[in-house]
């Protein structure tokens, strides 16, 4: 068994993603967005939860905007259109 800090798995360079875990139908991905980067409006393929581990972002879901900071979580459904904008460098887990 190897111990690794997940924050070292992706760097800040626009939008980066790395799959950390696949277990049956569930996935855990680590994403990083450099300040000013965004993931445009889209729908998920599954219900999902995000957990911010570092930084700050604006998370827009169904036209409502939320500011999420380190250790904030947000769960949303498969039908919810959403987008992410990095107000500062941000890293978050996406659990689907």
C-alpha atoms as a PDB file:
ATOM      1  CA  UNK A   1       0.000   0.000   0.000  1.00  0.00           C
ATOM      2  CA  UNK A   2       1.214   3.458  -0.892  1.00  0.00           C
ATOM      3  CA  UNK A   3       0.182   6.704   0.798  1.00  0.00           C
ATOM      4  CA  UNK A   4      -0.174   9.701  -1.507  1.00  0.00           C
ATOM      5  CA  UNK A   5      -1.504  13.203  -1.000  1.00  0.00           C
ATOM      6  CA  UNK A   6      -4.287  13.700  -3.558  1.00  0.00           C
ATOM      7  CA  UNK A   7      -3.515  17.413  -3.895  1.00  0.00           C
ATOM      8  CA  UNK A   8      -0.257  16.469  -5.630  1.00  0.00           C
ATOM      9  CA  UNK A   9      -2.067  14.393  -8.281  1.00  0.00           C
ATOM     10  CA  UNK A  10      -3.012  17.345 -10.537  1.00  0.00           C
ATOM     11  CA  UNK A  11      -1.409  20.728 -11.172  1.00  0.00           C
ATOM     12  CA  UNK A  12      -2.913  24.098 -11.982  1.00  0.00           C
ATOM     13  CA  UNK A  13      -2.918  24.389 -15.773  1.00  0.00           C
ATOM     14  CA  UNK A  14      -6.333  25.499 -17.048  1.00  0.00           C
ATOM     15  CA  UNK A  15      -8.558  22.440 -16.367  1.00  0.00           C
ATOM     16  CA  UNK A  16      -7.001  19.134 -15.265  1.00  0.00           C
ATOM     17  CA  UNK A  17      -8.627  15.871 -14.202  1.00  0.00           C
ATOM     18  CA  UNK A  18      -7.415  12.568 -12.834  1.00  0.00           C
ATOM     19  CA  UNK A  19      -9.476   9.504 -11.948  1.00  0.00           C
ATOM     20  CA  UNK A  20      -8.495   8.404  -8.450  1.00  0.00           C
ATOM     21  CA  UNK A  21     -10.908   5.495  -7.901  1.00  0.00           C
ATOM     22  CA  UNK A  22     -13.207   3.303  -9.958  1.00  0.00           C
ATOM     23  CA  UNK A  23     -15.281   0.888  -7.902  1.00  0.00           C
ATOM     24  CA  UNK A  24     -18.044  -0.852  -9.806  1.00  0.00           C
ATOM     25  CA  UNK A  25     -20.245   1.922 -11.167  1.00  0.00           C
ATOM     26  CA  UNK A  26     -18.811   4.605  -8.876  1.00  0.00           C
ATOM     27  CA  UNK A  27     -15.940   6.940  -9.760  1.00  0.00           C
ATOM     28  CA  UNK A  28     -13.947   9.521  -7.835  1.00  0.00           C
ATOM     29  CA  UNK A  29     -12.118  12.132  -9.896  1.00  0.00           C
ATOM     30  CA  UNK A  30      -9.862  14.960  -8.785  1.00  0.00           C
ATOM     31  CA  UNK A  31     -10.169  18.129 -10.843  1.00  0.00           C
ATOM     32  CA  UNK A  32      -8.141  21.321 -10.761  1.00  0.00           C
ATOM     33  CA  UNK A  33      -8.994  24.623 -12.366  1.00  0.00           C
ATOM     34  CA  UNK A  34      -6.544  27.460 -12.656  1.00  0.00           C
ATOM     35  CA  UNK A  35      -7.923  30.846 -11.581  1.00  0.00           C
ATOM     36  CA  UNK A  36     -10.149  32.201 -14.370  1.00  0.00           C
ATOM     37  CA  UNK A  37     -10.708  28.779 -15.977  1.00  0.00           C
ATOM     38  CA  UNK A  38     -14.138  27.291 -16.372  1.00  0.00           C
ATOM     39  CA  UNK A  39     -16.070  24.172 -17.226  1.00  0.00           C
ATOM     40  CA  UNK A  40     -19.014  25.360 -19.346  1.00  0.00           C
ATOM     41  CA  UNK A  41     -22.650  24.524 -18.684  1.00  0.00           C
ATOM     42  CA  UNK A  42     -23.390  20.800 -19.105  1.00  0.00           C
ATOM     43  CA  UNK A  43     -25.287  17.857 -17.608  1.00  0.00           C
ATOM     44  CA  UNK A  44     -23.746  14.947 -15.732  1.00  0.00           C
ATOM     45  CA  UNK A  45     -24.085  11.317 -16.754  1.00  0.00           C
ATOM     46  CA  UNK A  46     -24.909  10.400 -13.117  1.00  0.00           C
ATOM     47  CA  UNK A  47     -25.997  11.997  -9.853  1.00  0.00           C
ATOM     48  CA  UNK A  48     -22.892  13.543  -8.321  1.00  0.00           C
ATOM     49  CA  UNK A  49     -21.312  15.184  -5.286  1.00  0.00           C
ATOM     50  CA  UNK A  50     -18.421  17.621  -5.318  1.00  0.00           C
ATOM     51  CA  UNK A  51     -16.118  18.271  -2.383  1.00  0.00           C
ATOM     52  CA  UNK A  52     -13.839  21.300  -2.620  1.00  0.00           C
ATOM     53  CA  UNK A  53     -10.433  20.442  -1.139  1.00  0.00           C
ATOM     54  CA  UNK A  54      -8.537  23.631  -1.955  1.00  0.00           C
ATOM     55  CA  UNK A  55      -9.361  27.118  -3.227  1.00  0.00           C
ATOM     56  CA  UNK A  56     -12.648  28.688  -4.270  1.00  0.00           C
ATOM     57  CA  UNK A  57     -15.065  28.448  -7.180  1.00  0.00           C
ATOM     58  CA  UNK A  58     -18.442  29.601  -8.405  1.00  0.00           C
ATOM     59  CA  UNK A  59     -20.702  26.633  -9.009  1.00  0.00           C
ATOM     60  CA  UNK A  60     -23.797  27.400 -11.046  1.00  0.00           C
ATOM     61  CA  UNK A  61     -26.622  24.885 -11.113  1.00  0.00           C
ATOM     62  CA  UNK A  62     -29.963  25.547 -12.788  1.00  0.00           C
ATOM     63  CA  UNK A  63     -29.037  29.253 -13.081  1.00  0.00           C
ATOM     64  CA  UNK A  64     -28.372  29.647  -9.342  1.00  0.00           C
ATOM     65  CA  UNK A  65     -24.819  30.605  -8.402  1.00  0.00           C
ATOM     66  CA  UNK A  66     -23.042  29.353  -5.276  1.00  0.00           C
ATOM     67  CA  UNK A  67     -19.587  30.198  -3.961  1.00  0.00           C
ATOM     68  CA  UNK A  68     -17.871  27.033  -2.744  1.00  0.00           C
ATOM     69  CA  UNK A  69     -14.663  27.045  -0.695  1.00  0.00           C
ATOM     70  CA  UNK A  70     -12.381  24.393   0.773  1.00  0.00           C
ATOM     71  CA  UNK A  71     -14.330  21.645   2.556  1.00  0.00           C
ATOM     72  CA  UNK A  72     -17.704  22.704   1.094  1.00  0.00           C
ATOM     73  CA  UNK A  73     -19.805  20.018  -0.563  1.00  0.00           C
ATOM     74  CA  UNK A  74     -22.637  20.144  -3.072  1.00  0.00           C
ATOM     75  CA  UNK A  75     -24.760  17.291  -4.425  1.00  0.00           C
ATOM     76  CA  UNK A  76     -26.722  17.502  -7.661  1.00  0.00           C
ATOM     77  CA  UNK A  77     -28.767  15.298  -9.928  1.00  0.00           C
ATOM     78  CA  UNK A  78     -28.295  13.909 -13.402  1.00  0.00           C
ATOM     79  CA  UNK A  79     -30.817  16.385 -14.853  1.00  0.00           C
ATOM     80  CA  UNK A  80     -29.209  19.514 -13.343  1.00  0.00           C
ATOM     81  CA  UNK A  81     -27.312  21.713 -15.798  1.00  0.00           C
ATOM     82  CA  UNK A  82     -24.223  23.081 -14.089  1.00  0.00           C
ATOM     83  CA  UNK A  83     -20.946  24.921 -14.670  1.00  0.00           C
ATOM     84  CA  UNK A  84     -17.798  25.721 -12.704  1.00  0.00           C
ATOM     85  CA  UNK A  85     -15.734  28.914 -12.689  1.00  0.00           C
ATOM     86  CA  UNK A  86     -12.483  29.181 -10.689  1.00  0.00           C
ATOM     87  CA  UNK A  87     -12.460  32.473  -8.763  1.00  0.00           C
ATOM     88  CA  UNK A  88      -9.042  31.329  -7.514  1.00  0.00           C
ATOM     89  CA  UNK A  89      -7.033  28.171  -8.088  1.00  0.00           C
ATOM     90  CA  UNK A  90      -9.316  25.340  -6.990  1.00  0.00           C
ATOM     91  CA  UNK A  91      -9.159  21.563  -6.588  1.00  0.00           C
ATOM     92  CA  UNK A  92     -12.208  19.412  -5.948  1.00  0.00           C
ATOM     93  CA  UNK A  93     -13.334  15.817  -5.866  1.00  0.00           C
ATOM     94  CA  UNK A  94     -16.138  14.746  -8.174  1.00  0.00           C
ATOM     95  CA  UNK A  95     -17.895  11.623  -6.905  1.00  0.00           C
ATOM     96  CA  UNK A  96     -20.292   9.918  -9.321  1.00  0.00           C
END
